[in-house]
Amino acid sequence: MQIESKLSEVISQVYAAKSLTEARDVLIPFLEASKIKESDRKKMIEQTRKISQLGLLQYYATNALLKYEGLGL
């Protein structure tokens, strides 16, 4: 049995989103409720709001997954 993180589940939803707004509506509430360090969380929410293209938001969310799963560079 493979255990997936909540962030991994959210990333899947972000990739399934049909619009930037829909993706933000998934990602921002998750970030606001997460246990990620407050300074990192605020920065991630700010970045999420600044991103202007769905593909870029998906890319950003994926990088966040890698960082918080311990696979970041």
N, C-alpha and C. Protein backbone atom coordinates (compact mmCIF):
# COMPACT_ATOMS: atom_id res chain seq x y z
N MET A 1 0.83 -1.18 0.00
CA MET A 1 0.00 0.00 0.00
C MET A 1 0.88 1.25 0.00
N GLN A 2 0.61 2.16 -0.93
CA GLN A 2 1.39 3.38 -1.03
C GLN A 2 0.63 4.52 -0.37
N ILE A 3 1.31 5.24 0.50
CA ILE A 3 0.71 6.37 1.18
C ILE A 3 1.07 7.63 0.40
N GLU A 4 0.07 8.41 0.02
CA GLU A 4 0.32 9.66 -0.68
C GLU A 4 0.01 10.82 0.26
N SER A 5 0.75 11.88 0.08
CA SER A 5 0.51 13.06 0.91
C SER A 5 -0.72 13.80 0.43
N LYS A 6 -1.26 14.61 1.30
CA LYS A 6 -2.40 15.46 0.96
C LYS A 6 -2.01 16.41 -0.17
N LEU A 7 -0.77 16.91 -0.13
CA LEU A 7 -0.30 17.80 -1.18
C LEU A 7 -0.32 17.11 -2.54
N SER A 8 0.06 15.85 -2.57
CA SER A 8 0.03 15.09 -3.82
C SER A 8 -1.39 15.02 -4.37
N GLU A 9 -2.35 14.81 -3.50
CA GLU A 9 -3.76 14.78 -3.90
C GLU A 9 -4.20 16.13 -4.47
N VAL A 10 -3.78 17.20 -3.82
CA VAL A 10 -4.13 18.54 -4.26
C VAL A 10 -3.50 18.83 -5.63
N ILE A 11 -2.26 18.39 -5.83
CA ILE A 11 -1.58 18.60 -7.11
C ILE A 11 -2.38 17.94 -8.23
N SER A 12 -2.88 16.76 -7.98
CA SER A 12 -3.71 16.07 -8.98
C SER A 12 -4.93 16.91 -9.33
N GLN A 13 -5.54 17.52 -8.34
CA GLN A 13 -6.70 18.37 -8.57
C GLN A 13 -6.32 19.63 -9.33
N VAL A 14 -5.15 20.17 -9.05
CA VAL A 14 -4.67 21.36 -9.77
C VAL A 14 -4.48 21.02 -11.24
N TYR A 15 -3.92 19.85 -11.52
CA TYR A 15 -3.72 19.44 -12.92
C TYR A 15 -5.04 19.12 -13.62
N ALA A 16 -6.05 18.74 -12.88
CA ALA A 16 -7.36 18.46 -13.47
C ALA A 16 -8.16 19.73 -13.71
N ALA A 17 -7.73 20.83 -13.12
CA ALA A 17 -8.46 22.10 -13.26
C ALA A 17 -8.48 22.55 -14.71
N LYS A 18 -9.61 23.13 -15.10
CA LYS A 18 -9.79 23.61 -16.48
C LYS A 18 -9.41 25.07 -16.64
N SER A 19 -9.21 25.76 -15.52
CA SER A 19 -8.86 27.19 -15.59
C SER A 19 -7.92 27.55 -14.44
N LEU A 20 -7.28 28.68 -14.60
CA LEU A 20 -6.39 29.20 -13.55
C LEU A 20 -7.17 29.44 -12.26
N THR A 21 -8.35 30.02 -12.38
CA THR A 21 -9.18 30.30 -11.21
C THR A 21 -9.55 29.01 -10.48
N GLU A 22 -9.92 28.00 -11.23
CA GLU A 22 -10.27 26.71 -10.61
C GLU A 22 -9.07 26.11 -9.88
N ALA A 23 -7.90 26.19 -10.48
CA ALA A 23 -6.68 25.67 -9.86
C ALA A 23 -6.35 26.43 -8.57
N ARG A 24 -6.49 27.75 -8.63
CA ARG A 24 -6.24 28.56 -7.43
C ARG A 24 -7.25 28.22 -6.33
N ASP A 25 -8.50 27.99 -6.73
CA ASP A 25 -9.54 27.66 -5.75
C ASP A 25 -9.29 26.33 -5.05
N VAL A 26 -8.46 25.50 -5.64
CA VAL A 26 -8.06 24.24 -5.01
C VAL A 26 -6.82 24.46 -4.14
N LEU A 27 -5.84 25.14 -4.70
CA LEU A 27 -4.53 25.25 -4.05
C LEU A 27 -4.52 26.21 -2.85
N ILE A 28 -5.11 27.36 -2.98
CA ILE A 28 -5.03 28.36 -1.91
C ILE A 28 -5.69 27.88 -0.61
N PRO A 29 -6.91 27.34 -0.64
CA PRO A 29 -7.48 26.85 0.63
C PRO A 29 -6.64 25.73 1.27
N PHE A 30 -6.05 24.89 0.43
CA PHE A 30 -5.17 23.85 0.96
C PHE A 30 -3.98 24.49 1.68
N LEU A 31 -3.35 25.46 1.04
CA LEU A 31 -2.20 26.11 1.64
C LEU A 31 -2.57 26.83 2.94
N GLU A 32 -3.71 27.51 2.93
CA GLU A 32 -4.15 28.24 4.13
C GLU A 32 -4.37 27.32 5.32
N ALA A 33 -4.80 26.10 5.07
CA ALA A 33 -5.09 25.14 6.15
C ALA A 33 -3.91 24.22 6.47
N SER A 34 -2.84 24.32 5.70
CA SER A 34 -1.73 23.39 5.86
C SER A 34 -0.88 23.70 7.09
N LYS A 35 -0.03 22.75 7.44
CA LYS A 35 0.89 22.91 8.56
C LYS A 35 2.29 23.33 8.10
N ILE A 36 2.36 23.78 6.84
CA ILE A 36 3.63 24.29 6.31
C ILE A 36 4.02 25.51 7.15
N LYS A 37 5.32 25.67 7.37
CA LYS A 37 5.83 26.80 8.15
C LYS A 37 5.17 28.09 7.65
N GLU A 38 4.71 28.92 8.58
CA GLU A 38 3.90 30.10 8.24
C GLU A 38 4.55 31.00 7.19
N SER A 39 5.82 31.28 7.34
CA SER A 39 6.49 32.17 6.38
C SER A 39 6.51 31.56 4.98
N ASP A 40 6.75 30.26 4.89
CA ASP A 40 6.72 29.57 3.59
C ASP A 40 5.31 29.55 3.02
N ARG A 41 4.35 29.29 3.89
CA ARG A 41 2.95 29.21 3.47
C ARG A 41 2.48 30.55 2.88
N LYS A 42 2.80 31.64 3.57
CA LYS A 42 2.41 32.97 3.08
C LYS A 42 3.06 33.27 1.74
N LYS A 43 4.32 32.92 1.61
CA LYS A 43 5.03 33.13 0.35
C LYS A 43 4.40 32.31 -0.78
N MET A 44 4.04 31.07 -0.49
CA MET A 44 3.43 30.21 -1.50
C MET A 44 2.06 30.75 -1.93
N ILE A 45 1.28 31.24 -0.99
CA ILE A 45 -0.03 31.81 -1.32
C ILE A 45 0.15 33.06 -2.17
N GLU A 46 1.09 33.90 -1.79
CA GLU A 46 1.36 35.12 -2.56
C GLU A 46 1.78 34.77 -4.00
N GLN A 47 2.68 33.81 -4.14
CA GLN A 47 3.13 33.39 -5.46
C GLN A 47 1.97 32.81 -6.27
N THR A 48 1.14 32.01 -5.61
CA THR A 48 -0.01 31.40 -6.28
C THR A 48 -0.94 32.48 -6.84
N ARG A 49 -1.12 33.54 -6.10
CA ARG A 49 -2.00 34.64 -6.55
C ARG A 49 -1.38 35.44 -7.68
N LYS A 50 -0.05 35.52 -7.74
CA LYS A 50 0.65 36.30 -8.76
C LYS A 50 0.73 35.57 -10.10
N ILE A 51 0.74 34.28 -10.09
CA ILE A 51 0.90 33.50 -11.32
C ILE A 51 -0.29 33.75 -12.24
N SER A 52 0.00 33.97 -13.52
CA SER A 52 -1.04 34.40 -14.45
C SER A 52 -1.42 33.36 -15.52
N GLN A 53 -0.83 32.18 -15.45
CA GLN A 53 -1.15 31.13 -16.43
C GLN A 53 -1.31 29.80 -15.73
N LEU A 54 -2.28 29.02 -16.19
CA LEU A 54 -2.57 27.73 -15.57
C LEU A 54 -1.34 26.82 -15.59
N GLY A 55 -0.66 26.73 -16.70
CA GLY A 55 0.52 25.86 -16.80
C GLY A 55 1.61 26.24 -15.81
N LEU A 56 1.79 27.53 -15.62
CA LEU A 56 2.80 27.99 -14.66
C LEU A 56 2.39 27.66 -13.23
N LEU A 57 1.10 27.76 -12.93
CA LEU A 57 0.62 27.40 -11.60
C LEU A 57 0.81 25.91 -11.35
N GLN A 58 0.53 25.11 -12.35
CA GLN A 58 0.73 23.66 -12.23
C GLN A 58 2.21 23.35 -11.99
N TYR A 59 3.07 24.03 -12.71
CA TYR A 59 4.51 23.86 -12.55
C TYR A 59 4.94 24.25 -11.13
N TYR A 60 4.45 25.39 -10.66
CA TYR A 60 4.78 25.87 -9.32
C TYR A 60 4.30 24.88 -8.25
N ALA A 61 3.08 24.40 -8.41
CA ALA A 61 2.52 23.45 -7.44
C ALA A 61 3.34 22.16 -7.41
N THR A 62 3.78 21.71 -8.57
CA THR A 62 4.61 20.50 -8.64
C THR A 62 5.92 20.70 -7.91
N ASN A 63 6.55 21.86 -8.12
CA ASN A 63 7.81 22.14 -7.42
C ASN A 63 7.60 22.18 -5.91
N ALA A 64 6.47 22.72 -5.47
CA ALA A 64 6.16 22.74 -4.05
C ALA A 64 6.04 21.32 -3.51
N LEU A 65 5.39 20.45 -4.28
CA LEU A 65 5.27 19.04 -3.87
C LEU A 65 6.65 18.44 -3.70
N LEU A 66 7.51 18.64 -4.65
CA LEU A 66 8.85 18.07 -4.56
C LEU A 66 9.60 18.60 -3.34
N LYS A 67 9.49 19.90 -3.08
CA LYS A 67 10.19 20.48 -1.94
C LYS A 67 9.68 19.89 -0.62
N TYR A 68 8.37 19.82 -0.46
CA TYR A 68 7.81 19.38 0.82
C TYR A 68 7.73 17.87 0.96
N GLU A 69 8.04 17.16 -0.11
CA GLU A 69 8.19 15.71 -0.02
C GLU A 69 9.66 15.36 0.20
N GLY A 70 10.51 16.37 0.27
CA GLY A 70 11.93 16.15 0.51
C GLY A 70 12.71 15.79 -0.74
N LEU A 71 12.15 16.09 -1.92
CA LEU A 71 12.81 15.75 -3.17
C LEU A 71 13.32 16.97 -3.92
N GLY A 72 13.21 18.15 -3.30
CA GLY A 72 13.65 19.38 -3.95
C GLY A 72 15.16 19.45 -4.05
N LEU A 73 15.60 20.27 -4.96
CA LEU A 73 17.05 20.44 -5.16
C LEU A 73 17.62 21.46 -4.22
